[in-house]
Amino acid sequence: MKIFSYEDEPEITMDPETRRSLVRQLLGPDAPPAWCELVEALAILAPAHNNDISPLDCTPGELTVCAQPAGVPITEIERLEEIGFHVAHGEEDFSSTRFGSA
């Protein structure tokens, strides 16, 4: 159960299938699926950014993206969870152990 809430849920910035298609075009047909999913996740999170200078934080085993969960539509948060990003750190950003190196 998520404890953050939405009074006025943000709009999805791009149709998810269109975004996936654009990521595939950008990275090429031979790009590994993990790379495509990482770029897709960053594209979802970019509109909700909360740090223009250092948008990513890398620690052993974890990658954190500085983006406000309240700025991401719930359906997009569900997609981020499928990819491997979860709301973290007092609900102020997103983190992934999938993309962080140990």
PDB file of N, CA and C in Angstrom:
ATOM      1  N   MET A   1       0.836  -1.184   0.000  1.00  0.00           N
ATOM      2  CA  MET A   1       0.000   0.000   0.000  1.00  0.00           C
ATOM      3  C   MET A   1       0.878   1.243   0.000  1.00  0.00           C
ATOM      4  N   LYS A   2       0.578   2.166  -0.864  1.00  0.00           N
ATOM      5  CA  LYS A   2       1.351   3.387  -0.971  1.00  0.00           C
ATOM      6  C   LYS A   2       0.780   4.426  -0.022  1.00  0.00           C
ATOM      7  N   ILE A   3       1.658   5.178   0.625  1.00  0.00           N
ATOM      8  CA  ILE A   3       1.171   6.179   1.560  1.00  0.00           C
ATOM      9  C   ILE A   3       1.161   7.581   0.971  1.00  0.00           C
ATOM     10  N   PHE A   4       1.793   7.784  -0.193  1.00  0.00           N
ATOM     11  CA  PHE A   4       1.664   9.088  -0.840  1.00  0.00           C
ATOM     12  C   PHE A   4       0.317   9.125  -1.539  1.00  0.00           C
ATOM     13  N   SER A   5      -0.185  10.314  -1.776  1.00  0.00           N
ATOM     14  CA  SER A   5      -1.507  10.421  -2.383  1.00  0.00           C
ATOM     15  C   SER A   5      -1.512  11.510  -3.440  1.00  0.00           C
ATOM     16  N   TYR A   6      -2.541  11.516  -4.218  1.00  0.00           N
ATOM     17  CA  TYR A   6      -2.704  12.481  -5.291  1.00  0.00           C
ATOM     18  C   TYR A   6      -4.000  13.238  -5.091  1.00  0.00           C
ATOM     19  N   GLU A   7      -3.915  14.535  -4.954  1.00  0.00           N
ATOM     20  CA  GLU A   7      -5.136  15.333  -4.939  1.00  0.00           C
ATOM     21  C   GLU A   7      -5.576  15.574  -6.381  1.00  0.00           C
ATOM     22  N   ASP A   8      -4.652  16.006  -7.197  1.00  0.00           N
ATOM     23  CA  ASP A   8      -4.876  16.175  -8.629  1.00  0.00           C
ATOM     24  C   ASP A   8      -3.829  15.333  -9.330  1.00  0.00           C
ATOM     25  N   GLU A   9      -4.220  14.113  -9.709  1.00  0.00           N
ATOM     26  CA  GLU A   9      -3.246  13.211 -10.318  1.00  0.00           C
ATOM     27  C   GLU A   9      -2.684  13.813 -11.592  1.00  0.00           C
ATOM     28  N   PRO A  10      -1.352  13.763 -11.764  1.00  0.00           N
ATOM     29  CA  PRO A  10      -0.749  14.305 -12.986  1.00  0.00           C
ATOM     30  C   PRO A  10      -1.163  13.506 -14.215  1.00  0.00           C
ATOM     31  N   GLU A  11      -1.104  14.161 -15.353  1.00  0.00           N
ATOM     32  CA  GLU A  11      -1.444  13.523 -16.626  1.00  0.00           C
ATOM     33  C   GLU A  11      -0.252  12.703 -17.132  1.00  0.00           C
ATOM     34  N   ILE A  12      -0.536  11.633 -17.843  1.00  0.00           N
ATOM     35  CA  ILE A  12       0.515  10.879 -18.514  1.00  0.00           C
ATOM     36  C   ILE A  12       1.053  11.766 -19.627  1.00  0.00           C
ATOM     37  N   THR A  13       2.379  11.927 -19.675  1.00  0.00           N
ATOM     38  CA  THR A  13       2.979  12.857 -20.634  1.00  0.00           C
ATOM     39  C   THR A  13       3.063  12.297 -22.049  1.00  0.00           C
ATOM     40  N   MET A  14       3.032  10.974 -22.187  1.00  0.00           N
ATOM     41  CA  MET A  14       3.115  10.363 -23.519  1.00  0.00           C
ATOM     42  C   MET A  14       2.481   8.983 -23.457  1.00  0.00           C
ATOM     43  N   ASP A  15       1.825   8.604 -24.520  1.00  0.00           N
ATOM     44  CA  ASP A  15       1.272   7.262 -24.615  1.00  0.00           C
ATOM     45  C   ASP A  15       2.395   6.249 -24.375  1.00  0.00           C
ATOM     46  N   PRO A  16       2.211   5.300 -23.450  1.00  0.00           N
ATOM     47  CA  PRO A  16       3.275   4.349 -23.124  1.00  0.00           C
ATOM     48  C   PRO A  16       3.807   3.554 -24.316  1.00  0.00           C
ATOM     49  N   GLU A  17       2.940   3.136 -25.216  1.00  0.00           N
ATOM     50  CA  GLU A  17       3.417   2.383 -26.386  1.00  0.00           C
ATOM     51  C   GLU A  17       4.250   3.262 -27.310  1.00  0.00           C
ATOM     52  N   THR A  18       3.843   4.508 -27.473  1.00  0.00           N
ATOM     53  CA  THR A  18       4.619   5.446 -28.288  1.00  0.00           C
ATOM     54  C   THR A  18       5.985   5.667 -27.668  1.00  0.00           C
ATOM     55  N   ARG A  19       6.033   5.830 -26.349  1.00  0.00           N
ATOM     56  CA  ARG A  19       7.307   6.037 -25.656  1.00  0.00           C
ATOM     57  C   ARG A  19       8.221   4.833 -25.841  1.00  0.00           C
ATOM     58  N   ARG A  20       7.693   3.629 -25.680  1.00  0.00           N
ATOM     59  CA  ARG A  20       8.513   2.426 -25.857  1.00  0.00           C
ATOM     60  C   ARG A  20       9.047   2.330 -27.279  1.00  0.00           C
ATOM     61  N   SER A  21       8.205   2.685 -28.236  1.00  0.00           N
ATOM     62  CA  SER A  21       8.630   2.665 -29.638  1.00  0.00           C
ATOM     63  C   SER A  21       9.750   3.677 -29.890  1.00  0.00           C
ATOM     64  N   LEU A  22       9.623   4.862 -29.322  1.00  0.00           N
ATOM     65  CA  LEU A  22      10.657   5.890 -29.487  1.00  0.00           C
ATOM     66  C   LEU A  22      11.968   5.478 -28.821  1.00  0.00           C
ATOM     67  N   VAL A  23      11.879   4.852 -27.666  1.00  0.00           N
ATOM     68  CA  VAL A  23      13.090   4.375 -26.991  1.00  0.00           C
ATOM     69  C   VAL A  23      13.770   3.327 -27.853  1.00  0.00           C
ATOM     70  N   ARG A  24      12.999   2.415 -28.412  1.00  0.00           N
ATOM     71  CA  ARG A  24      13.557   1.364 -29.276  1.00  0.00           C
ATOM     72  C   ARG A  24      14.228   1.987 -30.506  1.00  0.00           C
ATOM     73  N   GLN A  25      13.590   3.005 -31.093  1.00  0.00           N
ATOM     74  CA  GLN A  25      14.184   3.700 -32.241  1.00  0.00           C
ATOM     75  C   GLN A  25      15.475   4.397 -31.843  1.00  0.00           C
ATOM     76  N   LEU A  26      15.467   5.033 -30.692  1.00  0.00           N
ATOM     77  CA  LEU A  26      16.636   5.758 -30.221  1.00  0.00           C
ATOM     78  C   LEU A  26      17.814   4.826 -29.973  1.00  0.00           C
ATOM     79  N   LEU A  27      17.557   3.707 -29.310  1.00  0.00           N
ATOM     80  CA  LEU A  27      18.637   2.800 -28.941  1.00  0.00           C
ATOM     81  C   LEU A  27      18.966   1.768 -30.009  1.00  0.00           C
ATOM     82  N   GLY A  28      18.061   1.569 -30.941  1.00  0.00           N
ATOM     83  CA  GLY A  28      18.301   0.619 -32.021  1.00  0.00           C
ATOM     84  C   GLY A  28      17.709  -0.743 -31.730  1.00  0.00           C
ATOM     85  N   PRO A  29      17.475  -1.518 -32.776  1.00  0.00           N
ATOM     86  CA  PRO A  29      16.797  -2.805 -32.629  1.00  0.00           C
ATOM     87  C   PRO A  29      17.594  -3.850 -31.852  1.00  0.00           C
ATOM     88  N   ASP A  30      18.897  -3.680 -31.748  1.00  0.00           N
ATOM     89  CA  ASP A  30      19.724  -4.664 -31.059  1.00  0.00           C
ATOM     90  C   ASP A  30      20.031  -4.276 -29.617  1.00  0.00           C
ATOM     91  N   ALA A  31      19.435  -3.198 -29.132  1.00  0.00           N
ATOM     92  CA  ALA A  31      19.696  -2.761 -27.759  1.00  0.00           C
ATOM     93  C   ALA A  31      19.162  -3.793 -26.767  1.00  0.00           C
ATOM     94  N   PRO A  32      19.915  -4.060 -25.718  1.00  0.00           N
ATOM     95  CA  PRO A  32      19.434  -5.009 -24.701  1.00  0.00           C
ATOM     96  C   PRO A  32      18.156  -4.496 -24.037  1.00  0.00           C
ATOM     97  N   PRO A  33      17.227  -5.385 -23.697  1.00  0.00           N
ATOM     98  CA  PRO A  33      15.976  -4.968 -23.061  1.00  0.00           C
ATOM     99  C   PRO A  33      16.187  -4.131 -21.800  1.00  0.00           C
ATOM    100  N   ALA A  34      17.190  -4.458 -20.991  1.00  0.00           N
ATOM    101  CA  ALA A  34      17.431  -3.692 -19.763  1.00  0.00           C
ATOM    102  C   ALA A  34      17.773  -2.239 -20.077  1.00  0.00           C
ATOM    103  N   TRP A  35      18.524  -2.007 -21.131  1.00  0.00           N
ATOM    104  CA  TRP A  35      18.859  -0.629 -21.525  1.00  0.00           C
ATOM    105  C   TRP A  35      17.598   0.106 -21.949  1.00  0.00           C
ATOM    106  N   CYS A  36      16.749  -0.548 -22.716  1.00  0.00           N
ATOM    107  CA  CYS A  36      15.500   0.080 -23.159  1.00  0.00           C
ATOM    108  C   CYS A  36      14.614   0.411 -21.965  1.00  0.00           C
ATOM    109  N   GLU A  37      14.531  -0.491 -21.012  1.00  0.00           N
ATOM    110  CA  GLU A  37      13.698  -0.237 -19.843  1.00  0.00           C
ATOM    111  C   GLU A  37      14.269   0.876 -18.972  1.00  0.00           C
ATOM    112  N   LEU A  38      15.589   0.954 -18.855  1.00  0.00           N
ATOM    113  CA  LEU A  38      16.193   2.032 -18.082  1.00  0.00           C
ATOM    114  C   LEU A  38      15.898   3.386 -18.725  1.00  0.00           C
ATOM    115  N   VAL A  39      16.043   3.496 -20.018  1.00  0.00           N
ATOM    116  CA  VAL A  39      15.751   4.752 -20.718  1.00  0.00           C
ATOM    117  C   VAL A  39      14.262   5.074 -20.616  1.00  0.00           C
ATOM    118  N   GLU A  40      13.410   4.063 -20.738  1.00  0.00           N
ATOM    119  CA  GLU A  40      11.968   4.285 -20.578  1.00  0.00           C
ATOM    120  C   GLU A  40      11.661   4.831 -19.184  1.00  0.00           C
ATOM    121  N   ALA A  41      12.260   4.249 -18.155  1.00  0.00           N
ATOM    122  CA  ALA A  41      12.030   4.715 -16.789  1.00  0.00           C
ATOM    123  C   ALA A  41      12.477   6.161 -16.626  1.00  0.00           C
ATOM    124  N   LEU A  42      13.628   6.505 -17.163  1.00  0.00           N
ATOM    125  CA  LEU A  42      14.117   7.886 -17.064  1.00  0.00           C
ATOM    126  C   LEU A  42      13.189   8.844 -17.802  1.00  0.00           C
ATOM    127  N   ALA A  43      12.631   8.409 -18.926  1.00  0.00           N
ATOM    128  CA  ALA A  43      11.687   9.250 -19.668  1.00  0.00           C
ATOM    129  C   ALA A  43      10.398   9.463 -18.864  1.00  0.00           C
ATOM    130  N   ILE A  44       9.957   8.444 -18.151  1.00  0.00           N
ATOM    131  CA  ILE A  44       8.765   8.584 -17.302  1.00  0.00           C
ATOM    132  C   ILE A  44       9.044   9.562 -16.166  1.00  0.00           C
ATOM    133  N   LEU A  45      10.228   9.463 -15.582  1.00  0.00           N
ATOM    134  CA  LEU A  45      10.553  10.254 -14.393  1.00  0.00           C
ATOM    135  C   LEU A  45      10.991  11.682 -14.685  1.00  0.00           C
ATOM    136  N   ALA A  46      11.468  11.952 -15.878  1.00  0.00           N
ATOM    137  CA  ALA A  46      12.005  13.283 -16.195  1.00  0.00           C
ATOM    138  C   ALA A  46      11.036  14.435 -15.907  1.00  0.00           C
ATOM    139  N   PRO A  47       9.755  14.338 -16.254  1.00  0.00           N
ATOM    140  CA  PRO A  47       8.853  15.460 -15.968  1.00  0.00           C
ATOM    141  C   PRO A  47       8.662  15.734 -14.470  1.00  0.00           C
ATOM    142  N   ALA A  48       8.957  14.761 -13.625  1.00  0.00           N
ATOM    143  CA  ALA A  48       8.766  14.918 -12.177  1.00  0.00           C
ATOM    144  C   ALA A  48      10.090  15.180 -11.452  1.00  0.00           C
ATOM    145  N   HIS A  49      11.115  15.563 -12.192  1.00  0.00           N
ATOM    146  CA  HIS A  49      12.446  15.745 -11.603  1.00  0.00           C
ATOM    147  C   HIS A  49      12.413  16.735 -10.442  1.00  0.00           C
ATOM    148  N   ASN A  50      13.328  16.531  -9.501  1.00  0.00           N
ATOM    149  CA  ASN A  50      13.439  17.466  -8.386  1.00  0.00           C
ATOM    150  C   ASN A  50      14.891  17.826  -8.088  1.00  0.00           C
ATOM    151  N   ASN A  51      15.767  17.569  -9.060  1.00  0.00           N
ATOM    152  CA  ASN A  51      17.168  17.944  -8.910  1.00  0.00           C
ATOM    153  C   ASN A  51      17.762  18.130 -10.301  1.00  0.00           C
ATOM    154  N   ASP A  52      17.934  19.368 -10.715  1.00  0.00           N
ATOM    155  CA  ASP A  52      18.462  19.659 -12.053  1.00  0.00           C
ATOM    156  C   ASP A  52      19.963  19.417 -12.167  1.00  0.00           C
ATOM    157  N   ILE A  53      20.673  19.469 -11.060  1.00  0.00           N
ATOM    158  CA  ILE A  53      22.127  19.366 -11.080  1.00  0.00           C
ATOM    159  C   ILE A  53      22.594  17.912 -11.027  1.00  0.00           C
ATOM    160  N   SER A  54      22.034  17.142 -10.125  1.00  0.00           N
ATOM    161  CA  SER A  54      22.433  15.743  -9.930  1.00  0.00           C
ATOM    162  C   SER A  54      21.191  14.863  -9.904  1.00  0.00           C
ATOM    163  N   PRO A  55      20.666  14.497 -11.080  1.00  0.00           N
ATOM    164  CA  PRO A  55      19.405  13.753 -11.105  1.00  0.00           C
ATOM    165  C   PRO A  55      19.522  12.299 -10.668  1.00  0.00           C
ATOM    166  N   LEU A  56      20.746  11.773 -10.655  1.00  0.00           N
ATOM    167  CA  LEU A  56      20.942  10.370 -10.279  1.00  0.00           C
ATOM    168  C   LEU A  56      21.902  10.271  -9.108  1.00  0.00           C
ATOM    169  N   ASP A  57      21.653   9.297  -8.253  1.00  0.00           N
ATOM    170  CA  ASP A  57      22.556   9.002  -7.152  1.00  0.00           C
ATOM    171  C   ASP A  57      22.843   7.513  -7.205  1.00  0.00           C
ATOM    172  N   CYS A  58      24.096   7.174  -7.235  1.00  0.00           N
ATOM    173  CA  CYS A  58      24.483   5.768  -7.318  1.00  0.00           C
ATOM    174  C   CYS A  58      25.247   5.376  -6.062  1.00  0.00           C
ATOM    175  N   THR A  59      24.763   4.356  -5.404  1.00  0.00           N
ATOM    176  CA  THR A  59      25.461   3.758  -4.278  1.00  0.00           C
ATOM    177  C   THR A  59      25.601   2.284  -4.598  1.00  0.00           C
ATOM    178  N   PRO A  60      26.495   1.582  -3.930  1.00  0.00           N
ATOM    179  CA  PRO A  60      26.635   0.159  -4.232  1.00  0.00           C
ATOM    180  C   PRO A  60      25.297  -0.574  -4.121  1.00  0.00           C
ATOM    181  N   GLY A  61      24.869  -1.129  -5.224  1.00  0.00           N
ATOM    182  CA  GLY A  61      23.651  -1.915  -5.253  1.00  0.00           C
ATOM    183  C   GLY A  61      22.364  -1.149  -5.461  1.00  0.00           C
ATOM    184  N   GLU A  62      22.428   0.190  -5.615  1.00  0.00           N
ATOM    185  CA  GLU A  62      21.193   0.954  -5.758  1.00  0.00           C
ATOM    186  C   GLU A  62      21.404   2.188  -6.640  1.00  0.00           C
ATOM    187  N   LEU A  63      20.455   2.398  -7.533  1.00  0.00           N
ATOM    188  CA  LEU A  63      20.411   3.605  -8.362  1.00  0.00           C
ATOM    189  C   LEU A  63      19.185   4.390  -7.932  1.00  0.00           C
ATOM    190  N   THR A  64      19.375   5.669  -7.590  1.00  0.00           N
ATOM    191  CA  THR A  64      18.275   6.526  -7.174  1.00  0.00           C
ATOM    192  C   THR A  64      18.087   7.618  -8.206  1.00  0.00           C
ATOM    193  N   VAL A  65      16.836   7.878  -8.584  1.00  0.00           N
ATOM    194  CA  VAL A  65      16.488   8.949  -9.517  1.00  0.00           C
ATOM    195  C   VAL A  65      15.701   9.989  -8.727  1.00  0.00           C
ATOM    196  N   CYS A  66      16.169  11.219  -8.794  1.00  0.00           N
ATOM    197  CA  CYS A  66      15.543  12.323  -8.046  1.00  0.00           C
ATOM    198  C   CYS A  66      14.319  12.816  -8.801  1.00  0.00           C
ATOM    199  N   ALA A  67      13.168  12.269  -8.462  1.00  0.00           N
ATOM    200  CA  ALA A  67      11.888  12.642  -9.074  1.00  0.00           C
ATOM    201  C   ALA A  67      10.794  12.448  -8.040  1.00  0.00           C
ATOM    202  N   GLN A  68       9.895  13.417  -7.962  1.00  0.00           N
ATOM    203  CA  GLN A  68       8.810  13.384  -6.978  1.00  0.00           C
ATOM    204  C   GLN A  68       7.731  12.373  -7.376  1.00  0.00           C
ATOM    205  N   PRO A  69       7.438  11.396  -6.537  1.00  0.00           N
ATOM    206  CA  PRO A  69       6.370  10.443  -6.843  1.00  0.00           C
ATOM    207  C   PRO A  69       5.025  11.119  -7.097  1.00  0.00           C
ATOM    208  N   ALA A  70       4.737  12.208  -6.402  1.00  0.00           N
ATOM    209  CA  ALA A  70       3.458  12.895  -6.600  1.00  0.00           C
ATOM    210  C   ALA A  70       3.338  13.489  -8.003  1.00  0.00           C
ATOM    211  N   GLY A  71       4.445  13.616  -8.723  1.00  0.00           N
ATOM    212  CA  GLY A  71       4.418  14.136 -10.083  1.00  0.00           C
ATOM    213  C   GLY A  71       4.317  13.062 -11.153  1.00  0.00           C
ATOM    214  N   VAL A  72       4.156  11.811 -10.727  1.00  0.00           N
ATOM    215  CA  VAL A  72       4.098  10.685 -11.667  1.00  0.00           C
ATOM    216  C   VAL A  72       2.728  10.020 -11.544  1.00  0.00           C
ATOM    217  N   PRO A  73       2.007   9.874 -12.667  1.00  0.00           N
ATOM    218  CA  PRO A  73       0.694   9.211 -12.611  1.00  0.00           C
ATOM    219  C   PRO A  73       0.803   7.781 -12.054  1.00  0.00           C
ATOM    220  N   ILE A  74      -0.236   7.344 -11.374  1.00  0.00           N
ATOM    221  CA  ILE A  74      -0.231   6.018 -10.745  1.00  0.00           C
ATOM    222  C   ILE A  74       0.036   4.907 -11.761  1.00  0.00           C
ATOM    223  N   THR A  75      -0.549   5.003 -12.950  1.00  0.00           N
ATOM    224  CA  THR A  75      -0.303   3.953 -13.958  1.00  0.00           C
ATOM    225  C   THR A  75       1.164   3.916 -14.364  1.00  0.00           C
ATOM    226  N   GLU A  76       1.811   5.077 -14.360  1.00  0.00           N
ATOM    227  CA  GLU A  76       3.236   5.122 -14.693  1.00  0.00           C
ATOM    228  C   GLU A  76       4.072   4.567 -13.541  1.00  0.00           C
ATOM    229  N   ILE A  77       3.641   4.793 -12.294  1.00  0.00           N
ATOM    230  CA  ILE A  77       4.339   4.207 -11.149  1.00  0.00           C
ATOM    231  C   ILE A  77       4.251   2.690 -11.216  1.00  0.00           C
ATOM    232  N   GLU A  78       3.110   2.176 -11.647  1.00  0.00           N
ATOM    233  CA  GLU A  78       2.971   0.728 -11.810  1.00  0.00           C
ATOM    234  C   GLU A  78       3.953   0.208 -12.849  1.00  0.00           C
ATOM    235  N   ARG A  79       4.122   0.938 -13.942  1.00  0.00           N
ATOM    236  CA  ARG A  79       5.094   0.533 -14.974  1.00  0.00           C
ATOM    237  C   ARG A  79       6.508   0.601 -14.420  1.00  0.00           C
ATOM    238  N   LEU A  80       6.812   1.658 -13.668  1.00  0.00           N
ATOM    239  CA  LEU A  80       8.140   1.780 -13.066  1.00  0.00           C
ATOM    240  C   LEU A  80       8.426   0.596 -12.142  1.00  0.00           C
ATOM    241  N   GLU A  81       7.429   0.150 -11.408  1.00  0.00           N
ATOM    242  CA  GLU A  81       7.614  -1.006 -10.536  1.00  0.00           C
ATOM    243  C   GLU A  81       7.892  -2.269 -11.338  1.00  0.00           C
ATOM    244  N   GLU A  82       7.235  -2.416 -12.492  1.00  0.00           N
ATOM    245  CA  GLU A  82       7.516  -3.557 -13.378  1.00  0.00           C
ATOM    246  C   GLU A  82       8.964  -3.514 -13.850  1.00  0.00           C
ATOM    247  N   ILE A  83       9.444  -2.325 -14.154  1.00  0.00           N
ATOM    248  CA  ILE A  83      10.813  -2.148 -14.641  1.00  0.00           C
ATOM    249  C   ILE A  83      11.819  -2.375 -13.515  1.00  0.00           C
ATOM    250  N   GLY A  84      11.442  -2.047 -12.284  1.00  0.00           N
ATOM    251  CA  GLY A  84      12.343  -2.251 -11.156  1.00  0.00           C
ATOM    252  C   GLY A  84      12.617  -1.008 -10.331  1.00  0.00           C
ATOM    253  N   PHE A  85      11.844   0.065 -10.534  1.00  0.00           N
ATOM    254  CA  PHE A  85      11.985   1.283  -9.736  1.00  0.00           C
ATOM    255  C   PHE A  85      10.835   1.361  -8.743  1.00  0.00           C
ATOM    256  N   HIS A  86      11.162   1.750  -7.527  1.00  0.00           N
ATOM    257  CA  HIS A  86      10.169   1.848  -6.465  1.00  0.00           C
ATOM    258  C   HIS A  86      10.297   3.193  -5.767  1.00  0.00           C
ATOM    259  N   VAL A  87       9.186   3.691  -5.235  1.00  0.00           N
ATOM    260  CA  VAL A  87       9.203   4.913  -4.444  1.00  0.00           C
ATOM    261  C   VAL A  87      10.074   4.649  -3.223  1.00  0.00           C
ATOM    262  N   ALA A  88      10.959   5.600  -2.924  1.00  0.00           N
ATOM    263  CA  ALA A  88      11.917   5.382  -1.837  1.00  0.00           C
ATOM    264  C   ALA A  88      12.203   6.670  -1.087  1.00  0.00           C
ATOM    265  N   HIS A  89      13.035   6.543  -0.070  1.00  0.00           N
ATOM    266  CA  HIS A  89      13.587   7.689   0.666  1.00  0.00           C
ATOM    267  C   HIS A  89      12.532   8.703   1.090  1.00  0.00           C
ATOM    268  N   GLY A  90      11.608   8.269   1.912  1.00  0.00           N
ATOM    269  CA  GLY A  90      10.602   9.193   2.415  1.00  0.00           C
ATOM    270  C   GLY A  90       9.699   9.741   1.334  1.00  0.00           C
ATOM    271  N   GLU A  91       9.498   8.926   0.296  1.00  0.00           N
ATOM    272  CA  GLU A  91       8.609   9.292  -0.818  1.00  0.00           C
ATOM    273  C   GLU A  91       9.059  10.551  -1.548  1.00  0.00           C
ATOM    274  N   GLU A  92      10.377  10.762  -1.627  1.00  0.00           N
ATOM    275  CA  GLU A  92      10.911  11.926  -2.330  1.00  0.00           C
ATOM    276  C   GLU A  92      11.602  11.572  -3.634  1.00  0.00           C
ATOM    277  N   ASP A  93      11.799  10.291  -3.897  1.00  0.00           N
ATOM    278  CA  ASP A  93      12.447   9.885  -5.136  1.00  0.00           C
ATOM    279  C   ASP A  93      12.172   8.404  -5.408  1.00  0.00           C
ATOM    280  N   PHE A  94      12.844   7.876  -6.421  1.00  0.00           N
ATOM    281  CA  PHE A  94      12.673   6.487  -6.824  1.00  0.00           C
ATOM    282  C   PHE A  94      14.028   5.788  -6.773  1.00  0.00           C
ATOM    283  N   SER A  95      14.022   4.509  -6.429  1.00  0.00           N
ATOM    284  CA  SER A  95      15.280   3.761  -6.425  1.00  0.00           C
ATOM    285  C   SER A  95      15.087   2.392  -7.068  1.00  0.00           C
ATOM    286  N   SER A  96      16.217   1.835  -7.505  1.00  0.00           N
ATOM    287  CA  SER A  96      16.207   0.528  -8.127  1.00  0.00           C
ATOM    288  C   SER A  96      17.452  -0.241  -7.722  1.00  0.00           C
ATOM    289  N   THR A  97      17.248  -1.459  -7.303  1.00  0.00           N
ATOM    290  CA  THR A  97      18.398  -2.333  -7.081  1.00  0.00           C
ATOM    291  C   THR A  97      18.713  -3.123  -8.344  1.00  0.00           C
ATOM    292  N   ARG A  98      17.827  -3.069  -9.312  1.00  0.00           N
ATOM    293  CA  ARG A  98      18.062  -3.751 -10.582  1.00  0.00           C
ATOM    294  C   ARG A  98      19.188  -3.068 -11.369  1.00  0.00           C
ATOM    295  N   PHE A  99      19.217  -1.743 -11.344  1.00  0.00           N
ATOM    296  CA  PHE A  99      20.173  -1.018 -12.160  1.00  0.00           C
ATOM    297  C   PHE A  99      21.388  -0.515 -11.389  1.00  0.00           C
ATOM    298  N   GLY A 100      21.443  -0.733 -10.092  1.00  0.00           N
ATOM    299  CA  GLY A 100      22.604  -0.364  -9.302  1.00  0.00           C
ATOM    300  C   GLY A 100      23.587  -1.525  -9.274  1.00  0.00           C
ATOM    301  N   SER A 101      24.850  -1.236  -9.362  1.00  0.00           N
ATOM    302  CA  SER A 101      25.839  -2.327  -9.326  1.00  0.00           C
ATOM    303  C   SER A 101      26.263  -2.588  -7.891  1.00  0.00           C
ATOM    304  N   ALA A 102      26.494  -3.836  -7.598  1.00  0.00           N
ATOM    305  CA  ALA A 102      26.885  -4.220  -6.237  1.00  0.00           C
ATOM    306  C   ALA A 102      28.376  -4.119  -6.065  1.00  0.00           C
TER     307      ALA A 102
END
